[in-house]
Amino acid sequence: RIIVDDVASCYQALGAVHSNWKPVPGKIKDYVALPKPNGYRSLHTTIIGPHKRRIEVQIRTRDMHDVAESGIAAHFLYKEKNNGGIGGNKASDESTRFAWLRELVNEVRRQSDPIEFVNAVKEDLFLKEVLVFSPGGDLYALPRGSSVLDFAFKVHSDLGYHCAGAKVNGKMVSLKHQIKNGD
């Protein structure tokens, strides 16, 4: 792993790695520009290292590393605690982005049975909807069981009315094809 100070440095480090070792074609993943649905962010690349061994390299900022290692909730609570609460500079930006998470954590603290509450939230978040990407990288939330035609209408009604076919993850599918998280 390579830990850097900021997002721009992630890409600079990737350039440095690729200028010193040959990258394996098709083995570069940019989770910084397109984070995983769980908030995971990092650059991944596979290079041909010494003795022609493949080596996976992960490049991320300290904040991204904290999320990857401890989870988004732990990261948020750590930031809030170490910045004297919410407000000011970078913590303020994260405060806005993760306000829903702070409310969730506060609600868990108020419950007599936090495990039951967390299970209910998981069910609400993950069983009722799917998160899918447009070809341009925009993220859309749709009810679980939605088809590609439902997705087309979600993007724009004209697209839905004129849709004749669809590709999901590079493969042609029917308009009735049920979409899944990450499609």
C-alpha atoms as a PDB file:
ATOM      1  CA  ARG A   1       0.000   0.000   0.000  1.00  0.00           C
ATOM      2  CA  ILE A   2       1.039   3.535  -0.729  1.00  0.00           C
ATOM      3  CA  ILE A   3      -0.485   6.184   1.555  1.00  0.00           C
ATOM      4  CA  VAL A   4      -0.350   9.790   0.312  1.00  0.00           C
ATOM      5  CA  ASP A   5      -1.553  13.204   1.498  1.00  0.00           C
ATOM      6  CA  ASP A   6      -4.256  14.033  -1.050  1.00  0.00           C
ATOM      7  CA  VAL A   7      -6.192  12.763  -4.067  1.00  0.00           C
ATOM      8  CA  ALA A   8      -3.878  14.428  -6.617  1.00  0.00           C
ATOM      9  CA  SER A   9      -0.944  12.615  -5.016  1.00  0.00           C
ATOM     10  CA  CYS A  10      -2.770   9.290  -5.520  1.00  0.00           C
ATOM     11  CA  TYR A  11      -2.646   9.778  -9.266  1.00  0.00           C
ATOM     12  CA  GLN A  12       0.950  11.074  -9.152  1.00  0.00           C
ATOM     13  CA  ALA A  13       1.974   7.951  -7.237  1.00  0.00           C
ATOM     14  CA  LEU A  14       0.180   5.774  -9.802  1.00  0.00           C
ATOM     15  CA  GLY A  15       2.185   7.501 -12.556  1.00  0.00           C
ATOM     16  CA  ALA A  16       5.415   6.926 -10.636  1.00  0.00           C
ATOM     17  CA  VAL A  17       4.613   3.237 -10.104  1.00  0.00           C
ATOM     18  CA  HIS A  18       3.791   2.763 -13.799  1.00  0.00           C
ATOM     19  CA  SER A  19       6.932   4.583 -14.911  1.00  0.00           C
ATOM     20  CA  ASN A  20       9.077   2.181 -12.844  1.00  0.00           C
ATOM     21  CA  TRP A  21       7.232  -1.113 -13.385  1.00  0.00           C
ATOM     22  CA  LYS A  22       5.153  -2.424 -16.250  1.00  0.00           C
ATOM     23  CA  PRO A  23       1.413  -2.420 -15.485  1.00  0.00           C
ATOM     24  CA  VAL A  24      -0.679  -5.489 -16.312  1.00  0.00           C
ATOM     25  CA  PRO A  25      -3.214  -4.452 -18.984  1.00  0.00           C
ATOM     26  CA  GLY A  26      -6.785  -4.288 -17.689  1.00  0.00           C
ATOM     27  CA  LYS A  27      -5.675  -4.463 -14.055  1.00  0.00           C
ATOM     28  CA  ILE A  28      -6.101  -0.812 -13.085  1.00  0.00           C
ATOM     29  CA  LYS A  29      -9.124   0.027 -10.944  1.00  0.00           C
ATOM     30  CA  ASP A  30     -10.000   3.609 -10.046  1.00  0.00           C
ATOM     31  CA  TYR A  31     -12.169   3.484  -6.936  1.00  0.00           C
ATOM     32  CA  VAL A  32     -11.208   7.100  -6.178  1.00  0.00           C
ATOM     33  CA  ALA A  33     -13.179   8.516  -9.112  1.00  0.00           C
ATOM     34  CA  LEU A  34     -15.822   5.763  -8.872  1.00  0.00           C
ATOM     35  CA  PRO A  35     -16.069   4.657  -5.224  1.00  0.00           C
ATOM     36  CA  LYS A  36     -17.663   1.350  -4.326  1.00  0.00           C
ATOM     37  CA  PRO A  37     -21.228   1.613  -2.952  1.00  0.00           C
ATOM     38  CA  ASN A  38     -19.896   1.106   0.595  1.00  0.00           C
ATOM     39  CA  GLY A  39     -17.703   4.218   0.304  1.00  0.00           C
ATOM     40  CA  TYR A  40     -14.415   2.386  -0.348  1.00  0.00           C
ATOM     41  CA  ARG A  41     -11.957   4.555  -2.290  1.00  0.00           C
ATOM     42  CA  SER A  42      -8.505   3.586  -3.563  1.00  0.00           C
ATOM     43  CA  LEU A  43      -6.485   3.174  -6.747  1.00  0.00           C
ATOM     44  CA  HIS A  44      -5.526  -0.418  -7.527  1.00  0.00           C
ATOM     45  CA  THR A  45      -3.015  -1.499 -10.121  1.00  0.00           C
ATOM     46  CA  THR A  46      -1.219  -4.735 -10.796  1.00  0.00           C
ATOM     47  CA  ILE A  47       2.389  -4.505 -11.975  1.00  0.00           C
ATOM     48  CA  ILE A  48       5.047  -6.935 -13.104  1.00  0.00           C
ATOM     49  CA  GLY A  49       7.577  -6.723 -10.294  1.00  0.00           C
ATOM     50  CA  PRO A  50      10.915  -8.352  -9.604  1.00  0.00           C
ATOM     51  CA  HIS A  51      11.321 -11.918 -10.860  1.00  0.00           C
ATOM     52  CA  LYS A  52       8.298 -11.307 -13.168  1.00  0.00           C
ATOM     53  CA  ARG A  53       5.909 -11.634 -10.215  1.00  0.00           C
ATOM     54  CA  ARG A  54       2.577  -9.859 -10.304  1.00  0.00           C
ATOM     55  CA  ILE A  55       2.170  -7.405  -7.442  1.00  0.00           C
ATOM     56  CA  GLU A  56      -1.039  -5.551  -6.593  1.00  0.00           C
ATOM     57  CA  VAL A  57      -0.459  -1.979  -5.478  1.00  0.00           C
ATOM     58  CA  GLN A  58      -3.092   0.042  -3.602  1.00  0.00           C
ATOM     59  CA  ILE A  59      -2.770   3.826  -3.473  1.00  0.00           C
ATOM     60  CA  ARG A  60      -4.930   5.956  -1.195  1.00  0.00           C
ATOM     61  CA  THR A  61      -4.999   8.917   1.173  1.00  0.00           C
ATOM     62  CA  ARG A  62      -4.863   8.488   4.961  1.00  0.00           C
ATOM     63  CA  ASP A  63      -8.624   9.171   5.148  1.00  0.00           C
ATOM     64  CA  MET A  64      -9.318   6.561   2.472  1.00  0.00           C
ATOM     65  CA  HIS A  65      -7.099   4.112   4.346  1.00  0.00           C
ATOM     66  CA  ASP A  66      -8.973   4.710   7.612  1.00  0.00           C
ATOM     67  CA  VAL A  67     -12.281   3.958   5.862  1.00  0.00           C
ATOM     68  CA  ALA A  68     -10.841   0.845   4.197  1.00  0.00           C
ATOM     69  CA  GLU A  69      -9.438  -0.498   7.462  1.00  0.00           C
ATOM     70  CA  SER A  70     -12.096   0.520   9.977  1.00  0.00           C
ATOM     71  CA  GLY A  71     -15.248   1.208   7.989  1.00  0.00           C
ATOM     72  CA  ILE A  72     -17.008   4.447   7.223  1.00  0.00           C
ATOM     73  CA  ALA A  73     -18.778   4.736  10.589  1.00  0.00           C
ATOM     74  CA  ALA A  74     -15.572   4.343  12.590  1.00  0.00           C
ATOM     75  CA  HIS A  75     -13.819   6.829  10.329  1.00  0.00           C
ATOM     76  CA  PHE A  76     -16.577   9.397  10.763  1.00  0.00           C
ATOM     77  CA  LEU A  77     -16.643   9.061  14.540  1.00  0.00           C
ATOM     78  CA  TYR A  78     -12.844   9.331  14.692  1.00  0.00           C
ATOM     79  CA  LYS A  79     -12.889  12.518  12.610  1.00  0.00           C
ATOM     80  CA  GLU A  80     -15.680  14.058  14.670  1.00  0.00           C
ATOM     81  CA  LYS A  81     -13.875  13.257  17.927  1.00  0.00           C
ATOM     82  CA  ASN A  82     -10.458  14.516  16.787  1.00  0.00           C
ATOM     83  CA  ASN A  83     -11.821  17.751  15.342  1.00  0.00           C
ATOM     84  CA  GLY A  84     -13.674  18.749  18.498  1.00  0.00           C
ATOM     85  CA  GLY A  85     -17.050  17.975  16.994  1.00  0.00           C
ATOM     86  CA  ILE A  86     -18.547  19.031  13.726  1.00  0.00           C
ATOM     87  CA  GLY A  87     -17.525  22.236  11.985  1.00  0.00           C
ATOM     88  CA  GLY A  88     -14.557  23.858  10.337  1.00  0.00           C
ATOM     89  CA  ASN A  89     -12.337  22.941   7.388  1.00  0.00           C
ATOM     90  CA  LYS A  90     -12.239  19.374   6.090  1.00  0.00           C
ATOM     91  CA  ALA A  91     -14.351  17.998   8.922  1.00  0.00           C
ATOM     92  CA  SER A  92     -17.143  20.359   7.900  1.00  0.00           C
ATOM     93  CA  ASP A  93     -17.148  18.926   4.366  1.00  0.00           C
ATOM     94  CA  GLU A  94     -17.327  15.424   5.783  1.00  0.00           C
ATOM     95  CA  SER A  95     -20.002  16.562   8.217  1.00  0.00           C
ATOM     96  CA  THR A  96     -22.226  17.516   5.322  1.00  0.00           C
ATOM     97  CA  ARG A  97     -21.484  14.338   3.372  1.00  0.00           C
ATOM     98  CA  PHE A  98     -22.043  12.053   6.347  1.00  0.00           C
ATOM     99  CA  ALA A  99     -24.837  13.854   8.199  1.00  0.00           C
ATOM    100  CA  TRP A 100     -27.131  10.879   7.626  1.00  0.00           C
ATOM    101  CA  LEU A 101     -24.512   8.623   9.186  1.00  0.00           C
ATOM    102  CA  ARG A 102     -24.216  10.802  12.279  1.00  0.00           C
ATOM    103  CA  GLU A 103     -27.990  10.634  12.709  1.00  0.00           C
ATOM    104  CA  LEU A 104     -27.843   6.864  12.325  1.00  0.00           C
ATOM    105  CA  VAL A 105     -25.109   6.546  14.957  1.00  0.00           C
ATOM    106  CA  ASN A 106     -27.036   8.796  17.359  1.00  0.00           C
ATOM    107  CA  GLU A 107     -30.182   6.719  16.858  1.00  0.00           C
ATOM    108  CA  VAL A 108     -28.243   3.513  17.586  1.00  0.00           C
ATOM    109  CA  ARG A 109     -26.970   5.060  20.829  1.00  0.00           C
ATOM    110  CA  ARG A 110     -30.572   5.856  21.900  1.00  0.00           C
ATOM    111  CA  GLN A 111     -31.873   2.322  21.286  1.00  0.00           C
ATOM    112  CA  SER A 112     -32.185  -0.233  24.040  1.00  0.00           C
ATOM    113  CA  ASP A 113     -31.248  -2.977  21.546  1.00  0.00           C
ATOM    114  CA  PRO A 114     -28.716  -1.493  19.095  1.00  0.00           C
ATOM    115  CA  ILE A 115     -28.192  -4.793  17.268  1.00  0.00           C
ATOM    116  CA  GLU A 116     -31.882  -5.023  16.391  1.00  0.00           C
ATOM    117  CA  PHE A 117     -31.818  -1.416  15.185  1.00  0.00           C
ATOM    118  CA  VAL A 118     -28.746  -1.992  13.004  1.00  0.00           C
ATOM    119  CA  ASN A 119     -30.369  -5.061  11.468  1.00  0.00           C
ATOM    120  CA  ALA A 120     -33.474  -3.020  10.646  1.00  0.00           C
ATOM    121  CA  VAL A 121     -31.345  -0.295   9.042  1.00  0.00           C
ATOM    122  CA  LYS A 122     -29.419  -2.868   7.010  1.00  0.00           C
ATOM    123  CA  GLU A 123     -32.694  -4.271   5.796  1.00  0.00           C
ATOM    124  CA  ASP A 124     -33.940  -0.811   4.859  1.00  0.00           C
ATOM    125  CA  LEU A 125     -30.721   0.126   3.079  1.00  0.00           C
ATOM    126  CA  PHE A 126     -29.808  -3.078   1.332  1.00  0.00           C
ATOM    127  CA  LEU A 127     -32.975  -5.088   0.829  1.00  0.00           C
ATOM    128  CA  LYS A 128     -35.310  -2.428  -0.527  1.00  0.00           C
ATOM    129  CA  GLU A 129     -33.168  -0.853  -3.228  1.00  0.00           C
ATOM    130  CA  VAL A 130     -30.296  -1.416  -5.610  1.00  0.00           C
ATOM    131  CA  LEU A 131     -27.558   1.058  -6.500  1.00  0.00           C
ATOM    132  CA  VAL A 132     -26.573   1.097 -10.177  1.00  0.00           C
ATOM    133  CA  PHE A 133     -24.372   3.245 -12.414  1.00  0.00           C
ATOM    134  CA  SER A 134     -25.163   4.964 -15.696  1.00  0.00           C
ATOM    135  CA  PRO A 135     -22.586   4.606 -18.493  1.00  0.00           C
ATOM    136  CA  GLY A 136     -21.423   8.113 -17.502  1.00  0.00           C
ATOM    137  CA  GLY A 137     -20.757   7.003 -13.918  1.00  0.00           C
ATOM    138  CA  ASP A 138     -23.802   8.589 -12.248  1.00  0.00           C
ATOM    139  CA  LEU A 139     -25.219   6.562  -9.358  1.00  0.00           C
ATOM    140  CA  TYR A 140     -28.959   5.785  -9.257  1.00  0.00           C
ATOM    141  CA  ALA A 141     -31.006   4.121  -6.521  1.00  0.00           C
ATOM    142  CA  LEU A 142     -33.954   2.023  -7.679  1.00  0.00           C
ATOM    143  CA  PRO A 143     -36.311  -0.345  -5.879  1.00  0.00           C
ATOM    144  CA  ARG A 144     -35.033  -3.921  -5.644  1.00  0.00           C
ATOM    145  CA  GLY A 145     -36.450  -5.947  -8.523  1.00  0.00           C
ATOM    146  CA  SER A 146     -36.196  -3.075 -11.014  1.00  0.00           C
ATOM    147  CA  SER A 147     -35.500  -3.879 -14.648  1.00  0.00           C
ATOM    148  CA  VAL A 148     -33.204  -2.147 -17.108  1.00  0.00           C
ATOM    149  CA  LEU A 149     -36.317  -0.495 -18.545  1.00  0.00           C
ATOM    150  CA  ASP A 150     -37.107   0.932 -15.077  1.00  0.00           C
ATOM    151  CA  PHE A 151     -33.543   2.249 -14.999  1.00  0.00           C
ATOM    152  CA  ALA A 152     -33.981   3.873 -18.423  1.00  0.00           C
ATOM    153  CA  PHE A 153     -37.097   5.697 -17.193  1.00  0.00           C
ATOM    154  CA  LYS A 154     -35.256   6.751 -14.016  1.00  0.00           C
ATOM    155  CA  VAL A 155     -32.521   8.353 -16.124  1.00  0.00           C
ATOM    156  CA  HIS A 156     -35.012  10.158 -18.397  1.00  0.00           C
ATOM    157  CA  SER A 157     -38.562   9.418 -19.539  1.00  0.00           C
ATOM    158  CA  ASP A 158     -37.615   9.872 -23.227  1.00  0.00           C
ATOM    159  CA  LEU A 159     -34.915   7.243 -22.816  1.00  0.00           C
ATOM    160  CA  GLY A 160     -37.449   4.841 -21.341  1.00  0.00           C
ATOM    161  CA  TYR A 161     -39.982   5.441 -24.122  1.00  0.00           C
ATOM    162  CA  HIS A 162     -37.388   4.934 -26.877  1.00  0.00           C
ATOM    163  CA  CYS A 163     -35.315   2.148 -25.306  1.00  0.00           C
ATOM    164  CA  ALA A 164     -35.056  -0.903 -27.586  1.00  0.00           C
ATOM    165  CA  GLY A 165     -32.183  -2.794 -25.941  1.00  0.00           C
ATOM    166  CA  ALA A 166     -29.731  -2.581 -23.075  1.00  0.00           C
ATOM    167  CA  LYS A 167     -26.208  -3.496 -22.047  1.00  0.00           C
ATOM    168  CA  VAL A 168     -25.371  -4.372 -18.463  1.00  0.00           C
ATOM    169  CA  ASN A 169     -21.692  -4.757 -17.616  1.00  0.00           C
ATOM    170  CA  GLY A 170     -20.862  -4.937 -21.320  1.00  0.00           C
ATOM    171  CA  LYS A 171     -23.404  -7.674 -22.154  1.00  0.00           C
ATOM    172  CA  MET A 172     -26.653  -7.287 -24.099  1.00  0.00           C
ATOM    173  CA  VAL A 173     -29.690  -8.081 -21.927  1.00  0.00           C
ATOM    174  CA  SER A 174     -33.461  -7.982 -22.368  1.00  0.00           C
ATOM    175  CA  LEU A 175     -35.441  -4.978 -21.179  1.00  0.00           C
ATOM    176  CA  LYS A 176     -36.907  -7.216 -18.459  1.00  0.00           C
ATOM    177  CA  HIS A 177     -33.434  -8.007 -17.060  1.00  0.00           C
ATOM    178  CA  GLN A 178     -33.390  -7.391 -13.289  1.00  0.00           C
ATOM    179  CA  ILE A 179     -30.572  -5.085 -12.251  1.00  0.00           C
ATOM    180  CA  LYS A 180     -28.323  -5.738  -9.244  1.00  0.00           C
ATOM    181  CA  ASN A 181     -26.142  -3.571  -7.004  1.00  0.00           C
ATOM    182  CA  GLY A 182     -23.151  -2.214  -8.876  1.00  0.00           C
ATOM    183  CA  ASP A 183     -24.523  -2.817 -12.394  1.00  0.00           C
END
